[in-house]
PDB file of all heavy atoms in Angstrom:
ATOM      1  N   HIS A   1     106.002 105.553  85.393  1.00  0.00           N
ATOM      2  CA  HIS A   1     104.744 106.223  85.756  1.00  0.00           C
ATOM      3  C   HIS A   1     104.543 106.138  87.272  1.00  0.00           C
ATOM      4  O   HIS A   1     103.492 105.729  87.755  1.00  0.00           O
ATOM      5  CB  HIS A   1     103.561 105.605  85.005  1.00  0.00           C
ATOM      6  CG  HIS A   1     103.622 105.837  83.527  1.00  0.00           C
ATOM      7  ND1 HIS A   1     103.183 106.992  82.924  1.00  0.00           N
ATOM      8  CD2 HIS A   1     104.116 105.058  82.528  1.00  0.00           C
ATOM      9  CE1 HIS A   1     103.373 106.917  81.620  1.00  0.00           C
ATOM     10  NE2 HIS A   1     103.944 105.763  81.359  1.00  0.00           N
ATOM     11  N   ALA A   2     105.613 106.529  87.989  1.00  0.00           N
ATOM     12  CA  ALA A   2     105.610 106.351  89.445  1.00  0.00           C
ATOM     13  C   ALA A   2     106.113 107.586  90.171  1.00  0.00           C
ATOM     14  O   ALA A   2     106.706 107.490  91.244  1.00  0.00           O
ATOM     15  CB  ALA A   2     106.480 105.142  89.805  1.00  0.00           C
ATOM     16  N   SER A   3     105.869 108.770  89.594  1.00  0.00           N
ATOM     17  CA  SER A   3     106.351 109.995  90.240  1.00  0.00           C
ATOM     18  C   SER A   3     105.502 110.402  91.430  1.00  0.00           C
ATOM     19  O   SER A   3     105.991 111.067  92.343  1.00  0.00           O
ATOM     20  CB  SER A   3     106.380 111.141  89.214  1.00  0.00           C
ATOM     21  OG  SER A   3     107.350 110.904  88.226  1.00  0.00           O
ATOM     22  N   ASN A   4     104.234 110.026  91.425  1.00  0.00           N
ATOM     23  CA  ASN A   4     103.329 110.384  92.520  1.00  0.00           C
ATOM     24  C   ASN A   4     103.258 109.218  93.497  1.00  0.00           C
ATOM     25  O   ASN A   4     102.713 108.145  93.183  1.00  0.00           O
ATOM     26  CB  ASN A   4     101.941 110.705  91.956  1.00  0.00           C
ATOM     27  CG  ASN A   4     100.986 111.210  93.014  1.00  0.00           C
ATOM     28  OD1 ASN A   4     100.856 110.621  94.081  1.00  0.00           O
ATOM     29  ND2 ASN A   4     100.285 112.296  92.712  1.00  0.00           N
ATOM     30  N   ASP A   5     103.798 109.405  94.701  1.00  0.00           N
ATOM     31  CA  ASP A   5     103.873 108.296  95.658  1.00  0.00           C
ATOM     32  C   ASP A   5     102.507 107.892  96.202  1.00  0.00           C
ATOM     33  O   ASP A   5     102.323 106.750  96.628  1.00  0.00           O
ATOM     34  CB  ASP A   5     104.804 108.658  96.816  1.00  0.00           C
ATOM     35  CG  ASP A   5     106.271 108.548  96.434  1.00  0.00           C
ATOM     36  OD1 ASP A   5     106.562 107.938  95.399  1.00  0.00           O
ATOM     37  OD2 ASP A   5     107.120 109.076  97.170  1.00  0.00           O
ATOM     38  N   TRP A   6     101.542 108.798  96.230  1.00  0.00           N
ATOM     39  CA  TRP A   6     100.196 108.417  96.655  1.00  0.00           C
ATOM     40  C   TRP A   6      99.602 107.425  95.653  1.00  0.00           C
ATOM     41  O   TRP A   6      99.074 106.384  96.026  1.00  0.00           O
ATOM     42  CB  TRP A   6      99.289 109.646  96.743  1.00  0.00           C
ATOM     43  CG  TRP A   6      99.798 110.733  97.634  1.00  0.00           C
ATOM     44  CD1 TRP A   6     100.578 110.593  98.742  1.00  0.00           C
ATOM     45  CD2 TRP A   6      99.556 112.133  97.486  1.00  0.00           C
ATOM     46  NE1 TRP A   6     100.842 111.811  99.304  1.00  0.00           N
ATOM     47  CE2 TRP A   6     100.220 112.784  98.568  1.00  0.00           C
ATOM     48  CE3 TRP A   6      98.836 112.906  96.573  1.00  0.00           C
ATOM     49  CZ2 TRP A   6     100.186 114.177  98.721  1.00  0.00           C
ATOM     50  CZ3 TRP A   6      98.800 114.293  96.734  1.00  0.00           C
ATOM     51  CH2 TRP A   6      99.463 114.909  97.800  1.00  0.00           C
ATOM     52  N   ILE A   7      99.706 107.783  94.364  1.00  0.00           N
ATOM     53  CA  ILE A   7      99.164 106.907  93.323  1.00  0.00           C
ATOM     54  C   ILE A   7      99.941 105.599  93.276  1.00  0.00           C
ATOM     55  O   ILE A   7      99.355 104.517  93.105  1.00  0.00           O
ATOM     56  CB  ILE A   7      99.205 107.621  91.958  1.00  0.00           C
ATOM     57  CG1 ILE A   7      98.255 108.830  91.979  1.00  0.00           C
ATOM     58  CG2 ILE A   7      98.849 106.674  90.829  1.00  0.00           C
ATOM     59  CD1 ILE A   7      98.313 109.697  90.733  1.00  0.00           C
ATOM     60  N   LEU A   8     101.254 105.683  93.444  1.00  0.00           N
ATOM     61  CA  LEU A   8     102.074 104.468  93.436  1.00  0.00           C
ATOM     62  C   LEU A   8     101.670 103.530  94.568  1.00  0.00           C
ATOM     63  O   LEU A   8     101.561 102.309  94.373  1.00  0.00           O
ATOM     64  CB  LEU A   8     103.549 104.830  93.557  1.00  0.00           C
ATOM     65  CG  LEU A   8     104.506 103.647  93.664  1.00  0.00           C
ATOM     66  CD1 LEU A   8     104.533 102.853  92.371  1.00  0.00           C
ATOM     67  CD2 LEU A   8     105.905 104.091  94.051  1.00  0.00           C
ATOM     68  N   THR A   9     101.435 104.081  95.760  1.00  0.00           N
ATOM     69  CA  THR A   9     101.035 103.246  96.900  1.00  0.00           C
ATOM     70  C   THR A   9      99.719 102.540  96.605  1.00  0.00           C
ATOM     71  O   THR A   9      99.561 101.335  96.875  1.00  0.00           O
ATOM     72  CB  THR A   9     100.913 104.096  98.161  1.00  0.00           C
ATOM     73  OG1 THR A   9     102.137 104.787  98.383  1.00  0.00           O
ATOM     74  CG2 THR A   9     100.593 103.227  99.375  1.00  0.00           C
ATOM     75  N   ARG A  10      98.777 103.285  96.065  1.00  0.00           N
ATOM     76  CA  ARG A  10      97.482 102.674  95.718  1.00  0.00           C
ATOM     77  C   ARG A  10      97.669 101.582  94.664  1.00  0.00           C
ATOM     78  O   ARG A  10      97.027 100.529  94.719  1.00  0.00           O
ATOM     79  CB  ARG A  10      96.521 103.745  95.195  1.00  0.00           C
ATOM     80  CG  ARG A  10      95.133 103.221  94.882  1.00  0.00           C
ATOM     81  CD  ARG A  10      94.184 104.369  94.568  1.00  0.00           C
ATOM     82  NE  ARG A  10      92.830 103.891  94.366  1.00  0.00           N
ATOM     83  CZ  ARG A  10      92.296 103.633  93.182  1.00  0.00           C
ATOM     84  NH1 ARG A  10      93.002 103.825  92.073  1.00  0.00           N
ATOM     85  NH2 ARG A  10      91.045 103.193  93.093  1.00  0.00           N
ATOM     86  N   ARG A  11      98.570 101.818  93.707  1.00  0.00           N
ATOM     87  CA  ARG A  11      98.826 100.812  92.675  1.00  0.00           C
ATOM     88  C   ARG A  11      99.442  99.551  93.271  1.00  0.00           C
ATOM     89  O   ARG A  11      99.073  98.428  92.898  1.00  0.00           O
ATOM     90  CB  ARG A  11      99.750 101.405  91.609  1.00  0.00           C
ATOM     91  CG  ARG A  11      99.876 100.566  90.349  1.00  0.00           C
ATOM     92  CD  ARG A  11     100.523 101.382  89.255  1.00  0.00           C
ATOM     93  NE  ARG A  11     101.972 101.346  89.307  1.00  0.00           N
ATOM     94  CZ  ARG A  11     102.758 102.246  88.737  1.00  0.00           C
ATOM     95  NH1 ARG A  11     102.228 103.275  88.099  1.00  0.00           N
ATOM     96  NH2 ARG A  11     104.074 102.141  88.801  1.00  0.00           N
ATOM     97  N   LEU A  12     100.370  99.718  94.200  1.00  0.00           N
ATOM     98  CA  LEU A  12     100.976  98.558  94.850  1.00  0.00           C
ATOM     99  C   LEU A  12      99.943  97.767  95.643  1.00  0.00           C
ATOM    100  O   LEU A  12      99.961  96.526  95.648  1.00  0.00           O
ATOM    101  CB  LEU A  12     102.110  99.018  95.763  1.00  0.00           C
ATOM    102  CG  LEU A  12     103.417  99.405  95.068  1.00  0.00           C
ATOM    103  CD1 LEU A  12     104.285 100.251  95.988  1.00  0.00           C
ATOM    104  CD2 LEU A  12     104.175  98.160  94.614  1.00  0.00           C
ATOM    105  N   LEU A  13      99.031  98.461  96.310  1.00  0.00           N
ATOM    106  CA  LEU A  13      97.958  97.774  97.027  1.00  0.00           C
ATOM    107  C   LEU A  13      97.086  96.977  96.062  1.00  0.00           C
ATOM    108  O   LEU A  13      96.738  95.811  96.325  1.00  0.00           O
ATOM    109  CB  LEU A  13      97.103  98.789  97.790  1.00  0.00           C
ATOM    110  CG  LEU A  13      97.746  99.428  99.023  1.00  0.00           C
ATOM    111  CD1 LEU A  13      96.912 100.611  99.500  1.00  0.00           C
ATOM    112  CD2 LEU A  13      97.890  98.396 100.137  1.00  0.00           C
ATOM    113  N   ALA A  14      96.741  97.606  94.927  1.00  0.00           N
ATOM    114  CA  ALA A  14      95.885  96.926  93.947  1.00  0.00           C
ATOM    115  C   ALA A  14      96.568  95.691  93.384  1.00  0.00           C
ATOM    116  O   ALA A  14      95.921  94.660  93.135  1.00  0.00           O
ATOM    117  CB  ALA A  14      95.509  97.898  92.833  1.00  0.00           C
ATOM    118  N   LEU A  15      97.891  95.777  93.175  1.00  0.00           N
ATOM    119  CA  LEU A  15      98.629  94.611  92.663  1.00  0.00           C
ATOM    120  C   LEU A  15      98.571  93.449  93.647  1.00  0.00           C
ATOM    121  O   LEU A  15      98.720  92.284  93.249  1.00  0.00           O
ATOM    122  CB  LEU A  15     100.085  94.989  92.382  1.00  0.00           C
ATOM    123  CG  LEU A  15     100.326  95.894  91.171  1.00  0.00           C
ATOM    124  CD1 LEU A  15     101.780  96.367  91.129  1.00  0.00           C
ATOM    125  CD2 LEU A  15      99.988  95.150  89.877  1.00  0.00           C
ATOM    126  N   CYS A  16      98.372  93.761  94.925  1.00  0.00           N
ATOM    127  CA  CYS A  16      98.243  92.718  95.947  1.00  0.00           C
ATOM    128  C   CYS A  16      96.787  92.377  96.231  1.00  0.00           C
ATOM    129  O   CYS A  16      96.469  91.687  97.211  1.00  0.00           O
ATOM    130  CB  CYS A  16      98.939  93.161  97.229  1.00  0.00           C
ATOM    131  SG  CYS A  16     100.729  93.352  97.060  1.00  0.00           S
ATOM    132  N   GLY A  17      95.877  92.884  95.385  1.00  0.00           N
ATOM    133  CA  GLY A  17      94.462  92.543  95.517  1.00  0.00           C
ATOM    134  C   GLY A  17      93.687  93.364  96.517  1.00  0.00           C
ATOM    135  O   GLY A  17      92.569  92.986  96.882  1.00  0.00           O
ATOM    136  N   VAL A  18      94.255  94.503  96.947  1.00  0.00           N
ATOM    137  CA  VAL A  18      93.576  95.352  97.929  1.00  0.00           C
ATOM    138  C   VAL A  18      93.206  96.674  97.258  1.00  0.00           C
ATOM    139  O   VAL A  18      94.094  97.433  96.847  1.00  0.00           O
ATOM    140  CB  VAL A  18      94.468  95.617  99.158  1.00  0.00           C
ATOM    141  CG1 VAL A  18      93.775  96.562 100.130  1.00  0.00           C
ATOM    142  CG2 VAL A  18      94.824  94.300  99.837  1.00  0.00           C
ATOM    143  N   GLU A  19      91.926  96.941  97.123  1.00  0.00           N
ATOM    144  CA  GLU A  19      91.449  98.170  96.487  1.00  0.00           C
ATOM    145  C   GLU A  19      91.084  99.196  97.561  1.00  0.00           C
ATOM    146  O   GLU A  19      90.257  98.926  98.437  1.00  0.00           O
ATOM    147  CB  GLU A  19      90.236  97.879  95.610  1.00  0.00           C
ATOM    148  CG  GLU A  19      90.530  96.966  94.414  1.00  0.00           C
ATOM    149  CD  GLU A  19      91.402  97.641  93.358  1.00  0.00           C
ATOM    150  OE1 GLU A  19      91.512  98.896  93.389  1.00  0.00           O
ATOM    151  OE2 GLU A  19      91.979  96.927  92.518  1.00  0.00           O
ATOM    152  N   VAL A  20      91.710 100.354  97.503  1.00  0.00           N
ATOM    153  CA  VAL A  20      91.460 101.435  98.458  1.00  0.00           C
ATOM    154  C   VAL A  20      91.326 102.732  97.674  1.00  0.00           C
ATOM    155  O   VAL A  20      92.063 102.956  96.702  1.00  0.00           O
ATOM    156  CB  VAL A  20      92.611 101.565  99.486  1.00  0.00           C
ATOM    157  CG1 VAL A  20      92.278 102.626 100.525  1.00  0.00           C
ATOM    158  CG2 VAL A  20      92.895 100.223 100.155  1.00  0.00           C
ATOM    159  N   GLU A  21      90.419 103.602  98.071  1.00  0.00           N
ATOM    160  CA  GLU A  21      90.265 104.886  97.409  1.00  0.00           C
ATOM    161  C   GLU A  21      91.540 105.722  97.565  1.00  0.00           C
ATOM    162  O   GLU A  21      92.189 105.692  98.626  1.00  0.00           O
ATOM    163  CB  GLU A  21      89.078 105.653  97.987  1.00  0.00           C
ATOM    164  CG  GLU A  21      87.729 105.030  97.689  1.00  0.00           C
ATOM    165  CD  GLU A  21      87.421 105.023  96.197  1.00  0.00           C
ATOM    166  OE1 GLU A  21      87.815 106.001  95.506  1.00  0.00           O
ATOM    167  OE2 GLU A  21      86.808 104.046  95.725  1.00  0.00           O
ATOM    168  N   LEU A  22      91.875 106.467  96.514  1.00  0.00           N
ATOM    169  CA  LEU A  22      93.089 107.272  96.545  1.00  0.00           C
ATOM    170  C   LEU A  22      93.056 108.277  97.688  1.00  0.00           C
ATOM    171  O   LEU A  22      94.089 108.519  98.342  1.00  0.00           O
ATOM    172  CB  LEU A  22      93.269 107.998  95.209  1.00  0.00           C
ATOM    173  CG  LEU A  22      94.499 108.903  95.098  1.00  0.00           C
ATOM    174  CD1 LEU A  22      95.783 108.115  95.289  1.00  0.00           C
ATOM    175  CD2 LEU A  22      94.515 109.634  93.753  1.00  0.00           C
ATOM    176  N   GLU A  23      91.899 108.855  97.972  1.00  0.00           N
ATOM    177  CA  GLU A  23      91.808 109.836  99.053  1.00  0.00           C
ATOM    178  C   GLU A  23      92.192 109.223 100.391  1.00  0.00           C
ATOM    179  O   GLU A  23      92.870 109.861 101.212  1.00  0.00           O
ATOM    180  CB  GLU A  23      90.385 110.403  99.135  1.00  0.00           C
ATOM    181  CG  GLU A  23      89.989 111.273  97.961  1.00  0.00           C
ATOM    182  CD  GLU A  23      89.619 110.462  96.717  1.00  0.00           C
ATOM    183  OE1 GLU A  23      89.564 109.213  96.813  1.00  0.00           O
ATOM    184  OE2 GLU A  23      89.398 111.076  95.660  1.00  0.00           O
ATOM    185  N   GLU A  24      91.799 107.984 100.643  1.00  0.00           N
ATOM    186  CA  GLU A  24      92.122 107.323 101.903  1.00  0.00           C
ATOM    187  C   GLU A  24      93.614 106.978 101.964  1.00  0.00           C
ATOM    188  O   GLU A  24      94.256 107.134 103.014  1.00  0.00           O
ATOM    189  CB  GLU A  24      91.275 106.063 102.071  1.00  0.00           C
ATOM    190  CG  GLU A  24      91.470 105.318 103.379  1.00  0.00           C
ATOM    191  CD  GLU A  24      91.062 106.135 104.607  1.00  0.00           C
ATOM    192  OE1 GLU A  24      90.460 107.213 104.462  1.00  0.00           O
ATOM    193  OE2 GLU A  24      91.379 105.676 105.719  1.00  0.00           O
TER     194      GLU A  24
END
């Protein structure tokens, strides 16, 4: 479930405890 690199980047940030809006 990693075809969209924008969503994947946000997911990787969240896994490290950093929440950022997808638009940003």
